[in-house]
N, C-alpha and C. Protein backbone atom coordinates (compact mmCIF):
# COMPACT_ATOMS: atom_id res chain seq x y z
N MET A 1 -11.23 -17.35 -4.17
CA MET A 1 -10.63 -17.99 -3.01
C MET A 1 -11.17 -19.40 -2.81
N GLU A 2 -12.21 -19.77 -3.54
CA GLU A 2 -12.76 -21.10 -3.31
C GLU A 2 -11.79 -22.21 -3.70
N LYS A 3 -10.73 -21.88 -4.45
CA LYS A 3 -9.75 -22.89 -4.86
C LYS A 3 -8.64 -23.06 -3.82
N TYR A 4 -8.64 -22.23 -2.78
CA TYR A 4 -7.56 -22.26 -1.80
C TYR A 4 -8.09 -22.48 -0.39
N GLN A 5 -7.35 -23.25 0.37
CA GLN A 5 -7.64 -23.46 1.78
C GLN A 5 -6.62 -22.66 2.59
N ILE A 6 -7.10 -21.82 3.50
CA ILE A 6 -6.20 -21.05 4.34
C ILE A 6 -5.67 -21.95 5.45
N ILE A 7 -4.35 -21.98 5.59
CA ILE A 7 -3.71 -22.82 6.59
C ILE A 7 -3.36 -22.02 7.84
N LYS A 8 -2.65 -20.90 7.65
CA LYS A 8 -2.27 -20.08 8.81
C LYS A 8 -1.82 -18.71 8.34
N ASP A 9 -1.78 -17.78 9.30
CA ASP A 9 -1.24 -16.44 9.03
C ASP A 9 0.28 -16.51 9.00
N LEU A 10 0.86 -15.81 8.03
CA LEU A 10 2.31 -15.72 7.94
C LEU A 10 2.83 -14.40 8.48
N GLY A 11 2.03 -13.35 8.34
CA GLY A 11 2.47 -12.05 8.81
C GLY A 11 1.42 -11.00 8.55
N ALA A 12 1.61 -9.84 9.16
CA ALA A 12 0.67 -8.74 9.00
C ALA A 12 1.45 -7.44 8.86
N GLY A 13 0.86 -6.52 8.12
CA GLY A 13 1.48 -5.22 7.93
C GLY A 13 0.43 -4.14 7.96
N SER A 14 0.82 -2.97 7.55
CA SER A 14 -0.07 -1.81 7.58
C SER A 14 -1.27 -1.96 6.66
N PHE A 15 -1.10 -2.67 5.55
CA PHE A 15 -2.15 -2.72 4.54
C PHE A 15 -2.89 -4.05 4.48
N GLY A 16 -2.48 -5.05 5.25
CA GLY A 16 -3.17 -6.32 5.19
C GLY A 16 -2.38 -7.43 5.85
N VAL A 17 -2.77 -8.67 5.53
CA VAL A 17 -2.11 -9.85 6.09
C VAL A 17 -1.71 -10.80 4.98
N THR A 18 -0.68 -11.61 5.26
CA THR A 18 -0.26 -12.66 4.34
C THR A 18 -0.57 -13.99 4.99
N LYS A 19 -1.20 -14.87 4.22
CA LYS A 19 -1.60 -16.17 4.75
C LYS A 19 -1.00 -17.30 3.91
N LEU A 20 -0.64 -18.37 4.59
CA LEU A 20 -0.21 -19.59 3.91
C LEU A 20 -1.47 -20.33 3.49
N CYS A 21 -1.54 -20.68 2.19
CA CYS A 21 -2.73 -21.34 1.66
C CYS A 21 -2.32 -22.55 0.82
N ARG A 22 -3.27 -23.46 0.62
CA ARG A 22 -3.03 -24.64 -0.20
C ARG A 22 -4.08 -24.68 -1.30
N HIS A 23 -3.61 -24.87 -2.54
CA HIS A 23 -4.52 -25.02 -3.67
C HIS A 23 -5.25 -26.35 -3.52
N GLU A 24 -6.57 -26.33 -3.62
CA GLU A 24 -7.38 -27.53 -3.36
C GLU A 24 -7.07 -28.68 -4.32
N GLU A 25 -6.81 -28.37 -5.59
CA GLU A 25 -6.58 -29.44 -6.58
C GLU A 25 -5.13 -29.89 -6.64
N THR A 26 -4.21 -28.94 -6.71
CA THR A 26 -2.80 -29.29 -6.90
C THR A 26 -2.06 -29.51 -5.59
N LYS A 27 -2.65 -29.07 -4.49
CA LYS A 27 -2.04 -29.14 -3.15
C LYS A 27 -0.80 -28.26 -3.02
N GLU A 28 -0.56 -27.37 -3.98
CA GLU A 28 0.58 -26.47 -3.93
C GLU A 28 0.39 -25.46 -2.81
N LEU A 29 1.45 -25.23 -2.03
CA LEU A 29 1.43 -24.21 -0.99
C LEU A 29 1.80 -22.87 -1.60
N VAL A 30 1.03 -21.85 -1.26
CA VAL A 30 1.28 -20.51 -1.76
C VAL A 30 1.07 -19.51 -0.63
N ALA A 31 1.66 -18.34 -0.79
CA ALA A 31 1.41 -17.24 0.14
C ALA A 31 0.50 -16.25 -0.57
N ILE A 32 -0.59 -15.87 0.08
CA ILE A 32 -1.54 -14.92 -0.51
C ILE A 32 -1.62 -13.71 0.41
N LYS A 33 -1.43 -12.54 -0.19
CA LYS A 33 -1.52 -11.28 0.56
C LYS A 33 -2.94 -10.76 0.44
N PHE A 34 -3.58 -10.54 1.56
CA PHE A 34 -4.93 -10.00 1.61
C PHE A 34 -4.82 -8.53 1.97
N ILE A 35 -5.23 -7.67 1.04
CA ILE A 35 -5.14 -6.24 1.25
C ILE A 35 -6.51 -5.73 1.67
N GLU A 36 -6.53 -4.96 2.74
CA GLU A 36 -7.79 -4.42 3.24
C GLU A 36 -8.42 -3.51 2.20
N ARG A 37 -9.70 -3.73 1.95
CA ARG A 37 -10.41 -2.86 1.01
C ARG A 37 -10.70 -1.54 1.68
N GLY A 38 -10.44 -0.51 0.95
CA GLY A 38 -10.68 0.83 1.44
C GLY A 38 -10.98 1.71 0.25
N PRO A 39 -11.03 3.00 0.45
CA PRO A 39 -11.35 3.90 -0.65
C PRO A 39 -10.31 3.89 -1.76
N GLN A 40 -9.09 3.39 -1.47
CA GLN A 40 -8.05 3.36 -2.48
C GLN A 40 -8.06 2.08 -3.31
N VAL A 41 -8.89 1.11 -2.96
CA VAL A 41 -8.92 -0.17 -3.68
C VAL A 41 -10.26 -0.30 -4.38
N ILE A 42 -10.21 -0.50 -5.69
CA ILE A 42 -11.41 -0.64 -6.50
C ILE A 42 -11.38 -2.01 -7.15
N LEU A 43 -12.45 -2.78 -7.02
CA LEU A 43 -12.55 -4.10 -7.62
C LEU A 43 -13.60 -4.06 -8.71
N THR A 44 -13.18 -4.37 -9.95
CA THR A 44 -14.13 -4.47 -11.06
C THR A 44 -14.28 -5.94 -11.40
N THR A 45 -15.05 -6.25 -12.44
CA THR A 45 -15.22 -7.65 -12.82
C THR A 45 -13.95 -8.26 -13.39
N THR A 46 -13.03 -7.44 -13.87
CA THR A 46 -11.81 -7.97 -14.48
C THR A 46 -10.51 -7.48 -13.86
N HIS A 47 -10.56 -6.48 -12.99
CA HIS A 47 -9.33 -5.90 -12.47
C HIS A 47 -9.44 -5.55 -10.99
N LEU A 48 -8.29 -5.53 -10.36
CA LEU A 48 -8.14 -4.95 -9.03
C LEU A 48 -7.34 -3.68 -9.25
N ALA A 49 -7.88 -2.55 -8.89
CA ALA A 49 -7.21 -1.27 -9.13
C ALA A 49 -6.98 -0.56 -7.81
N MET A 50 -5.83 0.08 -7.71
CA MET A 50 -5.51 0.86 -6.52
C MET A 50 -5.44 2.32 -6.90
N VAL A 51 -6.12 3.16 -6.16
CA VAL A 51 -6.07 4.59 -6.36
C VAL A 51 -4.88 5.11 -5.57
N MET A 52 -3.96 5.79 -6.27
CA MET A 52 -2.73 6.25 -5.64
C MET A 52 -2.51 7.73 -5.92
N GLU A 53 -1.67 8.30 -5.12
CA GLU A 53 -1.28 9.69 -5.32
C GLU A 53 -0.52 9.82 -6.63
N TYR A 54 -0.83 10.85 -7.40
CA TYR A 54 -0.12 11.13 -8.65
C TYR A 54 1.25 11.71 -8.31
N ALA A 55 2.29 11.09 -8.84
CA ALA A 55 3.65 11.55 -8.59
C ALA A 55 4.22 12.12 -9.88
N ALA A 56 4.24 13.42 -9.97
CA ALA A 56 4.70 14.08 -11.19
C ALA A 56 6.20 14.28 -11.20
N GLY A 57 6.91 13.62 -10.31
CA GLY A 57 8.35 13.84 -10.17
C GLY A 57 9.23 13.18 -11.19
N GLY A 58 8.70 12.36 -12.08
CA GLY A 58 9.53 11.72 -13.09
C GLY A 58 9.70 10.24 -12.87
N GLU A 59 10.71 9.68 -13.52
CA GLU A 59 10.96 8.25 -13.51
C GLU A 59 11.57 7.79 -12.19
N LEU A 60 11.27 6.55 -11.81
CA LEU A 60 11.82 5.97 -10.59
C LEU A 60 13.34 5.91 -10.65
N PHE A 61 13.90 5.55 -11.80
CA PHE A 61 15.36 5.48 -11.94
C PHE A 61 16.01 6.81 -11.56
N GLU A 62 15.45 7.91 -12.05
CA GLU A 62 16.01 9.22 -11.74
C GLU A 62 15.95 9.51 -10.24
N ARG A 63 14.87 9.09 -9.60
CA ARG A 63 14.72 9.29 -8.15
C ARG A 63 15.79 8.51 -7.40
N ILE A 64 16.03 7.27 -7.83
CA ILE A 64 17.04 6.44 -7.17
C ILE A 64 18.43 7.01 -7.42
N TYR A 65 18.71 7.35 -8.66
CA TYR A 65 20.04 7.82 -9.03
C TYR A 65 20.40 9.14 -8.36
N HIS A 66 19.48 10.06 -8.33
CA HIS A 66 19.77 11.39 -7.80
C HIS A 66 19.31 11.60 -6.36
N GLY A 67 18.38 10.79 -5.89
CA GLY A 67 17.77 11.05 -4.59
C GLY A 67 18.35 10.31 -3.42
N GLY A 68 19.23 9.36 -3.67
CA GLY A 68 19.81 8.62 -2.55
C GLY A 68 18.88 7.55 -2.02
N ARG A 69 18.99 7.27 -0.75
CA ARG A 69 18.24 6.18 -0.12
C ARG A 69 16.76 6.50 0.03
N PHE A 70 15.96 5.42 0.06
CA PHE A 70 14.54 5.54 0.30
C PHE A 70 14.26 5.31 1.78
N SER A 71 13.19 5.92 2.27
CA SER A 71 12.74 5.64 3.63
C SER A 71 12.06 4.27 3.64
N GLU A 72 11.82 3.73 4.83
CA GLU A 72 11.15 2.44 4.95
C GLU A 72 9.75 2.50 4.34
N ASP A 73 9.03 3.59 4.55
CA ASP A 73 7.68 3.75 3.98
C ASP A 73 7.73 3.78 2.46
N GLU A 74 8.73 4.45 1.89
CA GLU A 74 8.86 4.49 0.42
C GLU A 74 9.15 3.10 -0.14
N VAL A 75 10.01 2.34 0.53
CA VAL A 75 10.33 0.98 0.08
C VAL A 75 9.09 0.10 0.12
N TYR A 76 8.31 0.20 1.19
CA TYR A 76 7.09 -0.61 1.29
C TYR A 76 6.12 -0.25 0.17
N TYR A 77 5.93 1.02 -0.07
CA TYR A 77 5.03 1.48 -1.12
C TYR A 77 5.47 0.98 -2.49
N LEU A 78 6.74 1.14 -2.81
CA LEU A 78 7.25 0.71 -4.11
C LEU A 78 7.21 -0.81 -4.25
N SER A 79 7.46 -1.54 -3.16
CA SER A 79 7.38 -3.00 -3.20
C SER A 79 5.96 -3.46 -3.48
N THR A 80 4.99 -2.77 -2.89
CA THR A 80 3.59 -3.10 -3.14
C THR A 80 3.23 -2.86 -4.60
N LEU A 81 3.69 -1.76 -5.16
CA LEU A 81 3.45 -1.49 -6.58
C LEU A 81 4.05 -2.58 -7.44
N TYR A 82 5.27 -2.98 -7.12
CA TYR A 82 5.95 -4.03 -7.89
C TYR A 82 5.17 -5.34 -7.80
N LEU A 83 4.67 -5.68 -6.63
CA LEU A 83 3.87 -6.90 -6.46
C LEU A 83 2.72 -6.94 -7.44
N PHE A 84 1.98 -5.84 -7.53
CA PHE A 84 0.83 -5.80 -8.43
C PHE A 84 1.24 -5.80 -9.89
N HIS A 85 2.38 -5.21 -10.18
CA HIS A 85 2.85 -5.17 -11.57
C HIS A 85 3.38 -6.53 -12.00
N ALA A 86 4.08 -7.24 -11.11
CA ALA A 86 4.77 -8.47 -11.47
C ALA A 86 3.93 -9.73 -11.34
N THR A 87 2.83 -9.67 -10.61
CA THR A 87 2.02 -10.86 -10.37
C THR A 87 0.78 -10.84 -11.24
N PRO A 88 0.57 -11.91 -12.04
CA PRO A 88 -0.67 -11.97 -12.82
C PRO A 88 -1.89 -11.87 -11.91
N PHE A 89 -2.92 -11.15 -12.35
CA PHE A 89 -4.11 -10.90 -11.54
C PHE A 89 -4.71 -12.20 -11.01
N THR A 90 -4.75 -13.26 -11.83
CA THR A 90 -5.37 -14.51 -11.40
C THR A 90 -4.64 -15.13 -10.22
N GLN A 91 -3.35 -14.85 -10.06
CA GLN A 91 -2.61 -15.41 -8.92
C GLN A 91 -2.86 -14.63 -7.65
N LEU A 92 -3.40 -13.42 -7.76
CA LEU A 92 -3.73 -12.64 -6.58
C LEU A 92 -5.03 -13.09 -5.95
N LEU A 93 -5.88 -13.74 -6.73
CA LEU A 93 -7.16 -14.22 -6.22
C LEU A 93 -6.95 -15.60 -5.69
């Protein structure tokens, strides 16, 4: 975080807050999500890992195709997973 200056809060949710930040060197504005550390979040020297419930129900596609709509909680959970999958680790710091 030493490369970023926090400007203001953008929003808050169940798992953390999103802040508007500026990169010190490039002056680029970015949004950084700060997730509260808890027993489900493990930080190693090279990775941020989240401990999650094991879902033995099969592929997500099958759930969408056969299961119909998702609840708001399911959408939030899956969006969070996508965030971690789609964002390089260095951009999360």
